[in-house]
Amino acid sequence: MKMITALVRPSKVDAVKSALVSLDIVGMTVAEVRGFGRQKGQVERYRGNEFTVDFLSKSKIIVVVDDSKVEAAISAISEAARTGEIGDGKIFITPVETAVRIRTGERGESAL
Protein backbone atom coordinates (compact mmCIF):
# COMPACT_ATOMS: atom_id res chain seq x y z
CA MET A 1 0.00 0.00 0.00
CA LYS A 2 1.04 3.56 -0.62
CA MET A 3 -0.06 6.89 0.82
CA ILE A 4 -0.48 9.58 -1.80
CA THR A 5 -0.29 13.14 -0.52
CA ALA A 6 -1.22 15.77 -3.08
CA LEU A 7 -0.93 19.51 -2.54
CA VAL A 8 -3.22 21.23 -5.05
CA ARG A 9 -5.06 24.46 -5.66
CA PRO A 10 -8.24 24.65 -3.54
CA SER A 11 -10.30 25.16 -6.70
CA LYS A 12 -9.16 21.74 -8.00
CA VAL A 13 -10.23 19.58 -5.03
CA ASP A 14 -13.61 18.62 -6.50
CA ALA A 15 -12.03 17.68 -9.84
CA VAL A 16 -9.43 15.52 -8.09
CA LYS A 17 -12.12 13.85 -5.96
CA SER A 18 -14.18 13.03 -9.06
CA ALA A 19 -11.13 11.65 -10.87
CA LEU A 20 -10.25 9.37 -7.95
CA VAL A 21 -13.83 8.17 -7.43
CA SER A 22 -13.98 7.23 -11.13
CA LEU A 23 -11.05 4.86 -10.41
CA ASP A 24 -12.95 3.31 -7.46
CA ILE A 25 -10.61 5.01 -5.00
CA VAL A 26 -12.82 6.05 -2.13
CA GLY A 27 -11.90 7.56 1.18
CA MET A 28 -9.75 10.64 1.32
CA THR A 29 -8.73 13.29 3.78
CA VAL A 30 -8.66 16.94 2.74
CA ALA A 31 -7.11 19.76 4.76
CA GLU A 32 -6.66 23.42 3.99
CA VAL A 33 -2.98 24.33 4.30
CA ARG A 34 -0.73 27.27 3.46
CA GLY A 35 2.77 27.27 2.02
CA PHE A 36 5.02 28.33 -0.82
CA GLY A 37 7.29 26.74 -3.36
CA ARG A 38 8.87 28.20 -6.47
CA GLN A 39 6.20 30.89 -6.54
CA LYS A 40 7.63 32.37 -3.34
CA GLY A 41 4.30 34.03 -2.61
CA GLN A 42 2.64 36.66 -4.73
CA VAL A 43 2.12 40.42 -4.75
CA GLU A 44 -1.46 41.60 -4.18
CA ARG A 45 -3.06 45.03 -4.20
CA TYR A 46 -5.56 46.23 -1.62
CA ARG A 47 -6.92 49.78 -1.64
CA GLY A 48 -4.02 51.01 -3.72
CA ASN A 49 -1.33 49.43 -1.55
CA GLU A 50 0.86 46.53 -2.58
CA PHE A 51 1.71 43.76 -0.18
CA THR A 52 3.26 40.31 -0.51
CA VAL A 53 1.37 37.19 0.47
CA ASP A 54 4.16 34.84 1.58
CA PHE A 55 2.04 31.74 2.13
CA LEU A 56 -0.49 30.69 -0.49
CA SER A 57 -3.59 28.61 0.22
CA LYS A 58 -3.43 25.00 -0.93
CA SER A 59 -5.46 21.89 -0.26
CA LYS A 60 -3.75 18.77 1.02
CA ILE A 61 -5.39 15.55 -0.18
CA ILE A 62 -4.36 12.25 1.38
CA VAL A 63 -5.42 8.84 0.04
CA VAL A 64 -4.08 5.36 0.73
CA VAL A 65 -4.29 2.96 -2.21
CA ASP A 66 -3.31 -0.56 -3.15
CA ASP A 67 0.03 -0.76 -5.00
CA SER A 68 -1.77 -1.72 -8.21
CA LYS A 69 -3.65 1.63 -8.28
CA VAL A 70 -0.77 4.00 -7.52
CA GLU A 71 0.15 4.97 -11.09
CA ALA A 72 -3.49 5.40 -12.12
CA ALA A 73 -4.11 7.59 -9.08
CA ILE A 74 -1.06 9.74 -9.81
CA SER A 75 -2.19 10.23 -13.41
CA ALA A 76 -5.74 11.07 -12.36
CA ILE A 77 -4.61 13.61 -9.77
CA SER A 78 -2.12 15.20 -12.16
CA GLU A 79 -4.64 15.59 -14.96
CA ALA A 80 -7.41 16.88 -12.70
CA ALA A 81 -5.19 19.40 -10.86
CA ARG A 82 -3.13 20.70 -13.79
CA THR A 83 -3.66 24.25 -15.03
CA GLY A 84 -0.26 24.63 -16.66
CA GLU A 85 0.59 27.56 -14.40
CA ILE A 86 3.23 27.72 -11.70
CA GLY A 87 1.73 26.68 -8.36
CA ASP A 88 -0.26 23.65 -9.55
CA GLY A 89 1.16 21.65 -6.64
CA LYS A 90 3.04 18.46 -5.86
CA ILE A 91 2.36 14.76 -5.28
CA PHE A 92 4.28 12.71 -2.72
CA ILE A 93 4.21 8.90 -2.48
CA THR A 94 5.14 7.12 0.75
CA PRO A 95 4.94 3.44 1.70
CA VAL A 96 2.32 2.33 4.23
CA GLU A 97 3.23 -0.67 6.34
CA THR A 98 -0.31 -1.53 7.35
CA ALA A 99 -3.78 -0.07 7.90
CA VAL A 100 -6.28 -1.00 10.59
CA ARG A 101 -10.03 -0.37 10.43
CA ILE A 102 -10.90 0.57 14.01
CA ARG A 103 -14.53 -0.58 13.87
CA THR A 104 -13.87 -4.14 12.67
CA GLY A 105 -10.18 -4.69 13.35
CA GLU A 106 -9.53 -5.53 9.68
CA ARG A 107 -5.91 -5.10 8.64
CA GLY A 108 -4.05 -4.44 5.42
CA GLU A 109 -5.78 -3.81 2.12
CA SER A 110 -9.14 -5.02 3.41
CA ALA A 111 -9.08 -2.10 5.86
CA LEU A 112 -9.09 0.37 3.00
C-alpha atoms as a PDB file:
ATOM      1  CA  MET A   1       0.000   0.000   0.000  1.00  0.00           C
ATOM      2  CA  LYS A   2       1.045   3.561  -0.625  1.00  0.00           C
ATOM      3  CA  MET A   3      -0.062   6.885   0.818  1.00  0.00           C
ATOM      4  CA  ILE A   4      -0.482   9.583  -1.795  1.00  0.00           C
ATOM      5  CA  THR A   5      -0.288  13.140  -0.517  1.00  0.00           C
ATOM      6  CA  ALA A   6      -1.222  15.774  -3.077  1.00  0.00           C
ATOM      7  CA  LEU A   7      -0.928  19.515  -2.537  1.00  0.00           C
ATOM      8  CA  VAL A   8      -3.220  21.227  -5.048  1.00  0.00           C
ATOM      9  CA  ARG A   9      -5.061  24.463  -5.661  1.00  0.00           C
ATOM     10  CA  PRO A  10      -8.236  24.650  -3.544  1.00  0.00           C
ATOM     11  CA  SER A  11     -10.299  25.160  -6.695  1.00  0.00           C
ATOM     12  CA  LYS A  12      -9.159  21.743  -8.001  1.00  0.00           C
ATOM     13  CA  VAL A  13     -10.230  19.576  -5.031  1.00  0.00           C
ATOM     14  CA  ASP A  14     -13.613  18.618  -6.502  1.00  0.00           C
ATOM     15  CA  ALA A  15     -12.035  17.683  -9.842  1.00  0.00           C
ATOM     16  CA  VAL A  16      -9.428  15.520  -8.086  1.00  0.00           C
ATOM     17  CA  LYS A  17     -12.117  13.849  -5.963  1.00  0.00           C
ATOM     18  CA  SER A  18     -14.181  13.032  -9.059  1.00  0.00           C
ATOM     19  CA  ALA A  19     -11.129  11.651 -10.865  1.00  0.00           C
ATOM     20  CA  LEU A  20     -10.250   9.368  -7.946  1.00  0.00           C
ATOM     21  CA  VAL A  21     -13.830   8.170  -7.429  1.00  0.00           C
ATOM     22  CA  SER A  22     -13.976   7.233 -11.126  1.00  0.00           C
ATOM     23  CA  LEU A  23     -11.048   4.860 -10.412  1.00  0.00           C
ATOM     24  CA  ASP A  24     -12.946   3.309  -7.459  1.00  0.00           C
ATOM     25  CA  ILE A  25     -10.609   5.009  -5.004  1.00  0.00           C
ATOM     26  CA  VAL A  26     -12.821   6.050  -2.130  1.00  0.00           C
ATOM     27  CA  GLY A  27     -11.898   7.564   1.176  1.00  0.00           C
ATOM     28  CA  MET A  28      -9.749  10.636   1.318  1.00  0.00           C
ATOM     29  CA  THR A  29      -8.730  13.290   3.781  1.00  0.00           C
ATOM     30  CA  VAL A  30      -8.656  16.939   2.744  1.00  0.00           C
ATOM     31  CA  ALA A  31      -7.105  19.755   4.764  1.00  0.00           C
ATOM     32  CA  GLU A  32      -6.662  23.416   3.992  1.00  0.00           C
ATOM     33  CA  VAL A  33      -2.977  24.326   4.296  1.00  0.00           C
ATOM     34  CA  ARG A  34      -0.727  27.269   3.455  1.00  0.00           C
ATOM     35  CA  GLY A  35       2.770  27.271   2.020  1.00  0.00           C
ATOM     36  CA  PHE A  36       5.021  28.331  -0.818  1.00  0.00           C
ATOM     37  CA  GLY A  37       7.289  26.741  -3.360  1.00  0.00           C
ATOM     38  CA  ARG A  38       8.868  28.202  -6.466  1.00  0.00           C
ATOM     39  CA  GLN A  39       6.197  30.889  -6.541  1.00  0.00           C
ATOM     40  CA  LYS A  40       7.632  32.367  -3.340  1.00  0.00           C
ATOM     41  CA  GLY A  41       4.296  34.029  -2.613  1.00  0.00           C
ATOM     42  CA  GLN A  42       2.639  36.665  -4.726  1.00  0.00           C
ATOM     43  CA  VAL A  43       2.116  40.419  -4.752  1.00  0.00           C
ATOM     44  CA  GLU A  44      -1.458  41.599  -4.183  1.00  0.00           C
ATOM     45  CA  ARG A  45      -3.059  45.033  -4.198  1.00  0.00           C
ATOM     46  CA  TYR A  46      -5.557  46.231  -1.622  1.00  0.00           C
ATOM     47  CA  ARG A  47      -6.924  49.782  -1.642  1.00  0.00           C
ATOM     48  CA  GLY A  48      -4.018  51.007  -3.723  1.00  0.00           C
ATOM     49  CA  ASN A  49      -1.325  49.435  -1.545  1.00  0.00           C
ATOM     50  CA  GLU A  50       0.857  46.526  -2.584  1.00  0.00           C
ATOM     51  CA  PHE A  51       1.714  43.756  -0.183  1.00  0.00           C
ATOM     52  CA  THR A  52       3.260  40.314  -0.511  1.00  0.00           C
ATOM     53  CA  VAL A  53       1.375  37.191   0.472  1.00  0.00           C
ATOM     54  CA  ASP A  54       4.161  34.844   1.581  1.00  0.00           C
ATOM     55  CA  PHE A  55       2.045  31.742   2.128  1.00  0.00           C
ATOM     56  CA  LEU A  56      -0.492  30.690  -0.488  1.00  0.00           C
ATOM     57  CA  SER A  57      -3.591  28.612   0.220  1.00  0.00           C
ATOM     58  CA  LYS A  58      -3.427  25.003  -0.931  1.00  0.00           C
ATOM     59  CA  SER A  59      -5.457  21.891  -0.258  1.00  0.00           C
ATOM     60  CA  LYS A  60      -3.747  18.766   1.020  1.00  0.00           C
ATOM     61  CA  ILE A  61      -5.387  15.553  -0.185  1.00  0.00           C
ATOM     62  CA  ILE A  62      -4.362  12.245   1.380  1.00  0.00           C
ATOM     63  CA  VAL A  63      -5.415   8.842   0.038  1.00  0.00           C
ATOM     64  CA  VAL A  64      -4.083   5.358   0.725  1.00  0.00           C
ATOM     65  CA  VAL A  65      -4.289   2.963  -2.212  1.00  0.00           C
ATOM     66  CA  ASP A  66      -3.311  -0.559  -3.155  1.00  0.00           C
ATOM     67  CA  ASP A  67       0.026  -0.760  -4.996  1.00  0.00           C
ATOM     68  CA  SER A  68      -1.771  -1.716  -8.215  1.00  0.00           C
ATOM     69  CA  LYS A  69      -3.650   1.629  -8.278  1.00  0.00           C
ATOM     70  CA  VAL A  70      -0.768   4.001  -7.524  1.00  0.00           C
ATOM     71  CA  GLU A  71       0.151   4.972 -11.089  1.00  0.00           C
ATOM     72  CA  ALA A  72      -3.493   5.397 -12.123  1.00  0.00           C
ATOM     73  CA  ALA A  73      -4.112   7.590  -9.077  1.00  0.00           C
ATOM     74  CA  ILE A  74      -1.060   9.743  -9.805  1.00  0.00           C
ATOM     75  CA  SER A  75      -2.186  10.233 -13.408  1.00  0.00           C
ATOM     76  CA  ALA A  76      -5.741  11.066 -12.360  1.00  0.00           C
ATOM     77  CA  ILE A  77      -4.611  13.610  -9.766  1.00  0.00           C
ATOM     78  CA  SER A  78      -2.116  15.198 -12.158  1.00  0.00           C
ATOM     79  CA  GLU A  79      -4.641  15.586 -14.962  1.00  0.00           C
ATOM     80  CA  ALA A  80      -7.407  16.884 -12.696  1.00  0.00           C
ATOM     81  CA  ALA A  81      -5.192  19.398 -10.862  1.00  0.00           C
ATOM     82  CA  ARG A  82      -3.134  20.695 -13.793  1.00  0.00           C
ATOM     83  CA  THR A  83      -3.663  24.252 -15.029  1.00  0.00           C
ATOM     84  CA  GLY A  84      -0.261  24.631 -16.662  1.00  0.00           C
ATOM     85  CA  GLU A  85       0.586  27.563 -14.399  1.00  0.00           C
ATOM     86  CA  ILE A  86       3.229  27.719 -11.702  1.00  0.00           C
ATOM     87  CA  GLY A  87       1.732  26.679  -8.360  1.00  0.00           C
ATOM     88  CA  ASP A  88      -0.259  23.652  -9.551  1.00  0.00           C
ATOM     89  CA  GLY A  89       1.165  21.650  -6.638  1.00  0.00           C
ATOM     90  CA  LYS A  90       3.040  18.456  -5.861  1.00  0.00           C
ATOM     91  CA  ILE A  91       2.355  14.762  -5.277  1.00  0.00           C
ATOM     92  CA  PHE A  92       4.283  12.708  -2.719  1.00  0.00           C
ATOM     93  CA  ILE A  93       4.206   8.903  -2.477  1.00  0.00           C
ATOM     94  CA  THR A  94       5.139   7.119   0.750  1.00  0.00           C
ATOM     95  CA  PRO A  95       4.940   3.439   1.702  1.00  0.00           C
ATOM     96  CA  VAL A  96       2.319   2.330   4.232  1.00  0.00           C
ATOM     97  CA  GLU A  97       3.231  -0.673   6.343  1.00  0.00           C
ATOM     98  CA  THR A  98      -0.314  -1.529   7.345  1.00  0.00           C
ATOM     99  CA  ALA A  99      -3.776  -0.068   7.902  1.00  0.00           C
ATOM    100  CA  VAL A 100      -6.284  -1.003  10.595  1.00  0.00           C
ATOM    101  CA  ARG A 101     -10.025  -0.372  10.435  1.00  0.00           C
ATOM    102  CA  ILE A 102     -10.899   0.566  14.015  1.00  0.00           C
ATOM    103  CA  ARG A 103     -14.534  -0.575  13.872  1.00  0.00           C
ATOM    104  CA  THR A 104     -13.871  -4.142  12.672  1.00  0.00           C
ATOM    105  CA  GLY A 105     -10.177  -4.689  13.353  1.00  0.00           C
ATOM    106  CA  GLU A 106      -9.529  -5.525   9.677  1.00  0.00           C
ATOM    107  CA  ARG A 107      -5.906  -5.097   8.642  1.00  0.00           C
ATOM    108  CA  GLY A 108      -4.051  -4.442   5.423  1.00  0.00           C
ATOM    109  CA  GLU A 109      -5.778  -3.810   2.117  1.00  0.00           C
ATOM    110  CA  SER A 110      -9.137  -5.022   3.407  1.00  0.00           C
ATOM    111  CA  ALA A 111      -9.083  -2.103   5.861  1.00  0.00           C
ATOM    112  CA  LEU A 112      -9.094   0.373   3.004  1.00  0.00           C
END
